[in-house]
Protein backbone atom coordinates (compact mmCIF):
# COMPACT_ATOMS: atom_id res chain seq x y z
CA MET A 1 -43.14 -29.84 52.35
CA PRO A 2 -46.12 -27.32 52.90
CA ALA A 3 -48.52 -27.19 50.28
CA SER A 4 -47.98 -23.24 49.77
CA ASP A 5 -44.57 -23.94 48.49
CA ARG A 6 -45.45 -26.38 45.71
CA PRO A 7 -47.11 -23.94 43.27
CA GLN A 8 -44.21 -21.64 43.54
CA ARG A 9 -41.74 -24.39 42.80
CA ALA A 10 -43.71 -25.58 39.71
CA ALA A 11 -43.77 -22.00 38.64
CA ALA A 12 -39.96 -21.64 38.89
CA ALA A 13 -39.49 -24.84 36.80
CA GLU A 14 -41.88 -23.63 34.19
CA ILE A 15 -40.05 -20.31 33.83
CA SER A 16 -36.52 -22.38 33.80
CA VAL A 17 -37.59 -24.36 30.88
CA THR A 18 -39.26 -21.25 29.12
CA SER A 19 -35.94 -19.47 29.55
CA PHE A 20 -34.01 -22.32 28.31
CA TRP A 21 -36.03 -22.54 24.96
CA LYS A 22 -35.74 -18.72 24.64
CA PHE A 23 -31.73 -19.06 25.37
CA LEU A 24 -31.65 -22.07 22.77
CA PHE A 25 -33.58 -20.05 20.28
CA VAL A 26 -30.99 -17.30 20.44
CA VAL A 27 -28.03 -19.53 20.22
CA PHE A 28 -29.62 -20.82 17.05
CA VAL A 29 -30.64 -17.51 15.39
CA THR A 30 -26.91 -16.16 16.34
CA GLY A 31 -25.09 -19.22 14.69
CA MET A 32 -27.11 -19.12 11.70
CA SER A 33 -26.22 -15.32 11.47
CA GLY A 34 -22.49 -15.77 11.80
CA LEU A 35 -22.85 -18.62 8.95
CA THR A 36 -24.67 -16.18 6.80
CA CYS A 37 -22.03 -13.40 7.51
CA ALA A 38 -18.94 -15.93 6.82
CA GLU A 39 -20.59 -16.78 3.57
CA ALA A 40 -20.88 -13.02 2.53
CA VAL A 41 -17.28 -12.53 3.58
CA VAL A 42 -15.85 -15.36 1.38
CA THR A 43 -18.04 -14.28 -1.51
CA LEU A 44 -16.71 -10.70 -1.32
CA ALA A 45 -13.17 -11.98 -0.84
CA ASP A 46 -12.87 -13.40 -4.29
CA ARG A 47 -11.87 -9.84 -5.89
CA THR A 48 -8.10 -8.96 -6.43
CA PRO A 49 -7.00 -7.16 -3.30
CA VAL A 50 -5.57 -3.45 -3.62
CA TYR A 51 -2.45 -2.68 -1.68
CA ARG A 52 -1.85 1.09 -0.86
CA ALA A 53 1.09 2.74 0.14
CA ALA A 54 1.54 6.63 0.25
CA SER A 55 -0.35 7.89 -2.53
CA ALA A 56 0.31 4.72 -4.75
CA GLN A 57 -1.91 1.83 -5.18
CA ALA A 58 -1.59 -1.25 -7.15
CA GLU A 59 -3.38 -4.55 -7.77
CA ILE A 60 -1.12 -7.23 -6.83
CA SER A 61 -1.77 -10.40 -9.04
CA ALA A 62 -0.71 -13.96 -8.30
CA ALA A 63 2.31 -13.76 -10.67
CA ASN A 64 3.38 -10.06 -9.16
CA ALA A 65 3.34 -11.79 -5.76
CA GLU A 66 5.24 -14.69 -7.01
CA ALA A 67 7.95 -12.52 -8.40
CA ALA A 68 8.22 -10.48 -5.21
CA ARG A 69 8.72 -13.35 -3.04
CA GLY A 70 11.55 -14.73 -5.26
CA GLY A 71 12.80 -11.27 -5.83
CA VAL A 72 16.46 -10.65 -5.36
CA ARG A 73 17.51 -8.13 -2.62
CA ALA A 74 19.43 -5.15 -4.12
CA SER A 75 21.69 -2.76 -2.60
CA ILE A 76 22.20 1.01 -3.07
CA PRO A 77 25.60 2.03 -1.53
CA LYS A 78 25.81 5.17 0.72
CA SER A 79 27.63 8.02 -1.14
CA SER A 80 30.48 9.77 0.61
CA ASP A 81 28.02 12.82 0.89
CA GLY A 82 25.73 10.65 3.27
CA HIS A 83 22.98 10.22 0.78
CA TYR A 84 21.68 7.31 -1.08
CA TRP A 85 21.97 8.02 -4.91
CA ALA A 86 20.37 5.32 -7.03
CA ASN A 87 21.06 4.82 -10.94
CA GLY A 88 17.57 3.61 -11.99
CA ARG A 89 15.80 2.77 -15.43
CA ALA A 90 12.29 4.44 -15.94
CA ASN A 91 10.38 3.71 -18.97
CA GLY A 92 13.70 2.19 -20.39
CA ALA A 93 15.91 5.40 -20.07
CA SER A 94 18.49 6.16 -17.33
CA VAL A 95 17.75 8.34 -14.50
CA ARG A 96 19.83 9.23 -11.24
CA PHE A 97 17.71 9.42 -8.22
CA LEU A 98 18.11 10.93 -4.58
CA VAL A 99 16.50 8.33 -2.28
CA ASP A 100 13.99 10.36 -0.28
CA THR A 101 11.77 8.40 2.13
CA GLY A 102 10.25 11.78 3.06
CA ALA A 103 8.89 12.36 -0.66
CA SER A 104 5.45 10.79 -0.90
CA ALA A 105 6.03 10.33 -4.76
CA VAL A 106 8.60 9.57 -7.28
CA SER A 107 9.40 13.15 -8.44
CA LEU A 108 10.95 13.76 -11.79
CA THR A 109 12.66 17.00 -12.98
CA PRO A 110 11.33 18.49 -16.40
CA ASP A 111 14.66 17.28 -17.91
CA ASP A 112 14.41 13.88 -16.63
CA ALA A 113 10.59 13.64 -17.55
CA ARG A 114 11.53 14.82 -21.13
CA ARG A 115 13.93 11.93 -21.70
CA LEU A 116 11.40 9.32 -20.35
CA GLY A 117 9.14 10.50 -23.35
CA PHE A 118 6.66 12.94 -21.22
CA ASP A 119 5.77 16.29 -23.17
CA THR A 120 6.57 18.51 -20.18
CA ALA A 121 4.64 21.47 -21.96
CA ALA A 122 1.33 19.64 -22.32
CA LEU A 123 1.32 18.12 -18.69
CA SER A 124 -1.23 19.58 -16.25
CA TYR A 125 0.57 21.07 -13.30
CA SER A 126 -2.55 21.01 -11.20
CA ASN A 127 -0.91 19.45 -8.09
CA ARG A 128 0.47 21.76 -5.48
CA VAL A 129 3.78 20.07 -3.58
CA THR A 130 6.01 21.28 -1.06
CA THR A 131 9.66 20.79 -1.78
CA ALA A 132 13.05 21.47 -0.08
CA ALA A 133 12.89 24.69 -2.15
CA GLY A 134 9.39 25.82 -1.22
CA GLN A 135 6.09 25.16 -2.98
CA ALA A 136 5.71 23.94 -6.07
CA ARG A 137 3.32 22.93 -8.90
CA ALA A 138 3.55 19.35 -9.98
CA ALA A 139 1.89 17.07 -13.07
CA SER A 140 0.91 13.58 -12.18
CA VAL A 141 2.28 10.78 -14.53
CA ARG A 142 2.41 7.22 -14.35
CA LEU A 143 5.83 5.13 -15.35
CA ALA A 144 5.37 1.96 -17.06
CA SER A 145 8.29 0.41 -15.18
CA LEU A 146 11.10 1.73 -12.77
CA THR A 147 13.86 -0.60 -12.01
CA VAL A 148 16.60 0.32 -9.43
CA SER A 149 19.47 -1.89 -8.78
CA GLY A 150 17.57 -4.85 -10.18
CA ALA A 151 14.36 -4.16 -8.20
CA ARG A 152 11.92 -3.63 -10.76
CA LEU A 153 8.12 -2.41 -10.38
CA GLU A 154 5.49 -1.55 -12.89
CA ASN A 155 3.16 1.17 -13.31
CA VAL A 156 4.69 3.46 -10.73
CA ASP A 157 2.81 7.05 -10.22
CA ALA A 158 5.12 10.05 -10.26
CA LEU A 159 5.03 13.66 -10.26
CA VAL A 160 6.81 16.03 -12.61
CA ILE A 161 7.85 19.12 -10.57
CA GLU A 162 7.41 22.20 -12.67
CA LYS A 163 10.33 24.20 -11.11
CA GLY A 164 12.51 24.05 -7.97
CA LEU A 165 13.78 20.49 -8.43
CA ASP A 166 17.62 20.02 -8.82
CA THR A 167 17.41 16.17 -9.20
CA SER A 168 14.72 13.51 -9.36
CA LEU A 169 13.77 11.84 -6.09
CA LEU A 170 12.88 8.13 -5.44
CA GLY A 171 10.05 8.63 -3.15
CA MET A 172 7.32 6.35 -1.63
CA THR A 173 5.39 5.76 -4.88
CA TYR A 174 8.20 3.35 -5.39
CA LEU A 175 9.65 2.56 -2.13
CA GLY A 176 6.43 1.82 -0.50
CA ARG A 177 5.64 -0.88 -2.99
CA LEU A 178 8.61 -2.90 -1.95
CA ALA A 179 8.24 -5.80 0.31
CA SER A 180 10.72 -3.68 2.44
CA PHE A 181 13.64 -1.57 2.47
CA GLN A 182 16.19 -0.81 5.07
CA ALA A 183 18.86 1.60 5.52
CA THR A 184 22.09 0.49 7.03
CA ARG A 185 25.34 2.45 7.59
CA GLN A 186 26.88 1.57 4.20
CA ALA A 187 23.77 0.76 2.02
CA LEU A 188 20.18 0.90 1.47
CA ILE A 189 19.08 -2.52 1.02
CA LEU A 190 15.64 -3.05 -1.21
CA GLN A 191 13.65 -6.12 -1.14
CA PRO A 192 11.27 -6.57 -4.22
């Protein structure tokens, strides 16, 4: 081997060793960063999760999750007019709902809202909504509980439609919080 090749070979070996230590340093720093990030994620994950559906949100506690897992399927038979009409209980009073997956929220007629204990004259109709009858004003309310065919939810957001709603609607602030719902030819199946 010529003498002139030896210094180049030594320099190449020195560069390889230096590159190896740089690589090892980067791997070490990256690994430590990953551990630190994982620790932060675990720390933040101790909060109660919030699940959202449509414009509703509800904290899911361990007790509610356990009840939902063991919930009994409920069935709403399809009416002869082709719609799903549900007899429910809201705040302890009976309400007949038209199931409407196109409605963002449970929507109440003023008469139903009064039967549920809301003072419709004192409500703030500050929301604008579009109904089948056109534009309308609506007031936000919260139902302490809403049960349909045995599928019970608590703290359900709803709207009281000032004018233009003939029947109360069972919308997505209820349906979207169920574990699932399925429309068949004969019935609407609800899974709490």
